[in-house]
Each structure stands twice: as C-alpha cells, then as structure tokens.
Amino acid sequence: TSEAEIKSYLNPMDKWIIAKFNKVNRIVDEAFADYNYARAINTIEKFVWHDFCDEYIEAVKYRLYTDVSDESRKAAKYTLRTVVETSLKLLAPIAPFFTEEVYQYFSDESIHTTSWPEVNDELISEEFETKGDTTVDLIDEVRRFKSASKIPLNAELAEVNVYTSDDALVEIFNQFEDDIKGTLKIKDLAISQGKPEV
C-alpha cells in the first residue's frame, strides 16, 4: 500500500493529531530560529504527553487491537509512526543520544543524518483541531463519569446518550462517532438535540 493510499484512509482523529502536530512543527521551527530552546522543548513536551499519549494513542488502541478494517488499522499505524519519528527528529538537537537510541528501532540510519521535518501547511487545520479537541473533551467527560461511577475504564457500555442544543456539536460527534464508540467501548451511541426527558 502506498503512502498516498494510506493517507486517503485517515479518519477524523488521525487528521486531528496530524493538524496539531504540523502546528507544533511550525512553532518548534520558529523557536529554534529564535534560539528559544525552552519554547521548543515545552511545545514538544506538551504535545507528546498530552495530545499524543493521553488522547490520540488511547483513542486509536481499538483500531490496532480489535476487528476494524485493514485500511483503518494501516492509517492508525501510519499516523503513530509519522508522529513518533518526526517528534524524535524535532527533539534530536536537544536530546541527541536519547533520540538516536530510539530512532534505531525505526531505521539503521542515524537520526542526525536525516533531513529536518518540513512543515506541511496544507495539513494544519483549525477546523480539525477544534473538532478533535471537542471530541476529546467528550471522551474525557465519559471517562470521568465511568471513574466516578466506579465503572472500570475498559468496561463496555451498552448505551450512551449525548444531548446538546448545539447543531455544530451534533455534526462533530457524528463525524467522530467511530472513534468515540471505539475508544470508550460503547455499543450504541446516540447524539440527540435538546434536553433529555427526566
């Protein structure tokens, strides 16, 4: 499968993390050009720990370990590899020995002889960032509910109903429905407008 073909399989959550990461790449480029190493380090660290590890990796585990389409699995693996490899390249000037050691799992080539990652402005999308951030907020809210209700985070939920009066949220959650259901192990997800009858 070619890289272009895999890119065509990217789902909304993949596009979200790639949009955020290209923005990080641009910020780090500017920070290095200004000799602002603290900004470069802080930007990479915040992205890797929060957006990538806490949110994206958790959101795509189901695509790696459950019965999903081969295309979806390949897109998740492509996105994971792209973000990890490029993050290592951005960190290489700051942590040369660590990044070299980890990069050897991906390639026999030294990370210090690879080309610097270029920013792809076409992949930066405020729209996908906002949509993804909103979806992540919903996922986190359901996780908090599970935790507060003493339900194991990996427990399957038979049904989850989300109510909102915001048409835009309905559209976003419908677009990210597969990732919401897969991440939270929801069998039946209903996104409804208005308020529930209690």
Protein backbone atom coordinates (compact mmCIF):
# COMPACT_ATOMS: atom_id res chain seq x y z
CA THR A 1 0.00 0.00 0.00
CA SER A 2 1.41 3.38 -0.98
CA GLU A 3 1.73 6.31 1.44
CA ALA A 4 -0.75 8.34 -0.65
CA GLU A 5 -3.27 5.50 -0.43
CA ILE A 6 -2.83 5.20 3.35
CA LYS A 7 -3.30 8.97 3.70
CA SER A 8 -6.65 8.60 1.95
CA TYR A 9 -7.72 6.21 4.75
CA LEU A 10 -7.02 8.71 7.55
CA ASN A 11 -10.03 9.13 9.79
CA PRO A 12 -11.02 12.34 11.62
CA MET A 13 -8.94 11.52 14.73
CA ASP A 14 -5.84 10.94 12.56
CA LYS A 15 -6.42 14.26 10.79
CA TRP A 16 -6.81 15.95 14.19
CA ILE A 17 -3.45 14.79 15.56
CA ILE A 18 -1.65 15.47 12.25
CA ALA A 19 -3.10 19.01 12.14
CA LYS A 20 -1.95 19.66 15.72
CA PHE A 21 1.45 18.14 15.04
CA ASN A 22 2.14 20.25 11.95
CA LYS A 23 1.37 23.34 14.02
CA VAL A 24 3.84 22.07 16.67
CA ASN A 25 6.43 21.55 13.93
CA ARG A 26 5.97 25.17 12.80
CA ILE A 27 6.25 26.53 16.37
CA VAL A 28 9.40 24.48 17.02
CA ASP A 29 10.95 25.68 13.72
CA GLU A 30 10.34 29.29 14.75
CA ALA A 31 11.63 28.67 18.29
CA PHE A 32 14.90 27.14 17.04
CA ALA A 33 15.34 30.03 14.57
CA ASP A 34 14.99 32.45 17.52
CA TYR A 35 17.29 30.33 19.77
CA ASN A 36 14.33 29.91 22.09
CA TYR A 37 15.07 26.35 23.21
CA ALA A 38 12.71 26.48 26.20
CA ARG A 39 9.77 27.20 23.90
CA ALA A 40 10.80 24.36 21.58
CA ILE A 41 11.10 21.86 24.43
CA ASN A 42 7.88 22.94 26.14
CA THR A 43 5.90 22.79 22.90
CA ILE A 44 7.12 19.29 22.04
CA GLU A 45 6.66 18.01 25.60
CA LYS A 46 3.12 19.37 25.93
CA PHE A 47 2.09 17.90 22.59
CA VAL A 48 3.68 14.47 23.12
CA TRP A 49 2.46 13.95 26.68
CA HIS A 50 -1.00 15.47 26.46
CA ASP A 51 -2.33 15.35 22.91
CA PHE A 52 -0.43 12.35 21.57
CA CYS A 53 -0.02 9.98 24.52
CA ASP A 54 -3.02 10.86 26.70
CA GLU A 55 -5.53 11.39 23.93
CA TYR A 56 -4.56 10.07 20.50
CA ILE A 57 -2.93 6.78 21.49
CA GLU A 58 -5.85 5.99 23.80
CA ALA A 59 -8.29 6.87 21.02
CA VAL A 60 -6.71 4.55 18.42
CA LYS A 61 -5.97 1.46 20.52
CA TYR A 62 -9.23 -0.11 19.41
CA ARG A 63 -8.12 0.26 15.77
CA LEU A 64 -4.96 -1.71 16.50
CA TYR A 65 -6.38 -4.50 18.63
CA THR A 66 -9.99 -5.06 17.56
CA ASP A 67 -11.77 -6.10 14.42
CA VAL A 68 -11.64 -2.99 12.22
CA SER A 69 -10.92 -2.62 8.53
CA ASP A 70 -7.37 -3.17 7.33
CA GLU A 71 -7.39 0.38 5.94
CA SER A 72 -8.27 1.87 9.33
CA ARG A 73 -5.54 -0.14 11.07
CA LYS A 74 -2.94 0.91 8.47
CA ALA A 75 -3.95 4.57 8.80
CA ALA A 76 -3.59 4.41 12.60
CA LYS A 77 -0.16 2.76 12.33
CA TYR A 78 0.95 5.29 9.70
CA THR A 79 -0.13 8.19 11.90
CA LEU A 80 1.53 6.75 15.02
CA ARG A 81 4.80 6.13 13.20
CA THR A 82 4.80 9.53 11.47
CA VAL A 83 4.24 11.44 14.72
CA VAL A 84 6.80 9.43 16.72
CA GLU A 85 9.52 9.62 14.05
CA THR A 86 9.00 13.31 13.43
CA SER A 87 8.88 14.08 17.17
CA LEU A 88 12.23 12.35 17.56
CA LYS A 89 13.69 14.49 14.77
CA LEU A 90 12.42 17.66 16.44
CA LEU A 91 13.98 16.54 19.72
CA ALA A 92 17.30 15.44 18.19
CA PRO A 93 19.14 18.77 18.66
CA ILE A 94 18.11 18.86 22.33
CA ALA A 95 18.41 15.17 23.29
CA PRO A 96 20.81 13.70 20.71
CA PHE A 97 21.70 10.42 22.45
CA PHE A 98 18.16 9.54 23.51
CA THR A 99 16.69 10.26 20.09
CA GLU A 100 19.45 8.31 18.33
CA GLU A 101 18.82 5.28 20.52
CA VAL A 102 15.06 5.29 19.96
CA TYR A 103 15.34 6.09 16.24
CA GLN A 104 17.35 2.90 15.72
CA TYR A 105 14.08 0.97 16.21
CA PHE A 106 12.79 2.65 13.05
CA SER A 107 15.88 2.79 10.85
CA ASP A 108 19.52 1.75 10.58
CA GLU A 109 20.29 5.33 9.52
CA SER A 110 21.39 7.84 12.15
CA ILE A 111 18.69 10.34 13.06
CA HIS A 112 21.34 13.06 12.75
CA THR A 113 21.78 12.39 9.03
CA THR A 114 18.06 12.59 8.24
CA SER A 115 16.52 15.74 6.85
CA TRP A 116 14.78 18.18 9.15
CA PRO A 117 10.98 17.70 9.13
CA GLU A 118 9.24 20.18 6.90
CA VAL A 119 6.01 21.85 7.93
CA ASN A 120 3.11 20.93 5.67
CA ASP A 121 0.80 23.96 5.93
CA GLU A 122 -1.90 22.09 4.00
CA LEU A 123 -2.26 19.70 6.93
CA ILE A 124 -2.70 22.46 9.51
CA SER A 125 -6.43 22.79 10.03
CA GLU A 126 -8.02 24.91 12.74
CA GLU A 127 -11.31 23.19 11.89
CA PHE A 128 -9.97 19.69 12.58
CA GLU A 129 -8.13 20.90 15.68
CA THR A 130 -11.33 22.35 17.12
CA LYS A 131 -13.42 19.32 16.17
CA GLY A 132 -10.85 16.91 17.60
CA ASP A 133 -10.44 18.91 20.80
CA THR A 134 -14.22 18.92 21.26
CA THR A 135 -14.38 15.16 20.72
CA VAL A 136 -11.53 14.61 23.18
CA ASP A 137 -13.47 16.68 25.74
CA LEU A 138 -16.49 14.38 25.30
CA ILE A 139 -14.32 11.26 25.63
CA ASP A 140 -12.72 12.66 28.79
CA GLU A 141 -16.15 13.51 30.22
CA VAL A 142 -17.41 9.94 29.72
CA ARG A 143 -14.19 8.60 31.26
CA ARG A 144 -14.75 10.84 34.31
CA PHE A 145 -18.31 9.53 34.55
CA LYS A 146 -17.07 5.94 34.44
CA SER A 147 -14.47 6.65 37.09
CA ALA A 148 -16.93 8.47 39.38
CA SER A 149 -19.41 5.62 38.97
CA LYS A 150 -16.70 3.07 39.80
CA ILE A 151 -17.00 1.53 36.34
CA PRO A 152 -13.66 0.20 35.01
CA LEU A 153 -12.40 2.40 32.16
CA ASN A 154 -12.11 -0.64 29.88
CA ALA A 155 -15.68 -1.79 30.62
CA GLU A 156 -18.08 -1.89 27.69
CA LEU A 157 -21.08 0.44 27.82
CA ALA A 158 -24.31 -0.81 26.25
CA GLU A 159 -25.69 2.65 25.54
CA VAL A 160 -24.58 6.27 25.84
CA ASN A 161 -26.86 9.21 25.05
CA VAL A 162 -25.38 12.65 24.45
CA TYR A 163 -27.75 15.61 24.48
CA THR A 164 -26.87 19.04 23.13
CA SER A 165 -28.72 22.05 21.79
CA ASP A 166 -25.74 22.95 19.58
CA ASP A 167 -26.17 21.77 15.97
CA ALA A 168 -22.42 22.06 15.38
CA LEU A 169 -21.70 19.61 18.22
CA VAL A 170 -24.13 17.08 16.79
CA GLU A 171 -22.29 17.27 13.46
CA ILE A 172 -18.85 16.94 15.11
CA PHE A 173 -19.83 13.96 17.28
CA ASN A 174 -21.46 12.22 14.31
CA GLN A 175 -18.27 12.75 12.28
CA PHE A 176 -16.10 11.29 15.09
CA GLU A 177 -18.66 8.63 16.10
CA ASP A 178 -16.47 5.60 15.32
CA ASP A 179 -13.61 6.91 17.46
CA ILE A 180 -15.92 7.85 20.33
CA LYS A 181 -17.53 4.41 20.31
CA GLY A 182 -14.26 2.54 19.83
CA THR A 183 -12.30 4.47 22.46
CA LEU A 184 -14.99 4.22 25.12
CA LYS A 185 -16.23 0.74 24.14
CA ILE A 186 -19.78 1.93 23.51
CA LYS A 187 -22.16 -0.41 21.70
CA ASP A 188 -24.87 2.15 20.97
CA LEU A 189 -24.12 5.89 20.85
CA ALA A 190 -26.97 8.33 20.35
CA ILE A 191 -26.32 12.02 19.72
CA SER A 192 -29.53 13.96 20.27
CA GLN A 193 -30.58 17.58 20.14
CA GLY A 194 -32.41 19.16 23.03
CA LYS A 195 -32.69 18.04 26.64
CA PRO A 196 -33.40 14.56 27.95
CA GLU A 197 -36.78 13.82 29.47
CA VAL A 198 -36.04 13.07 33.10
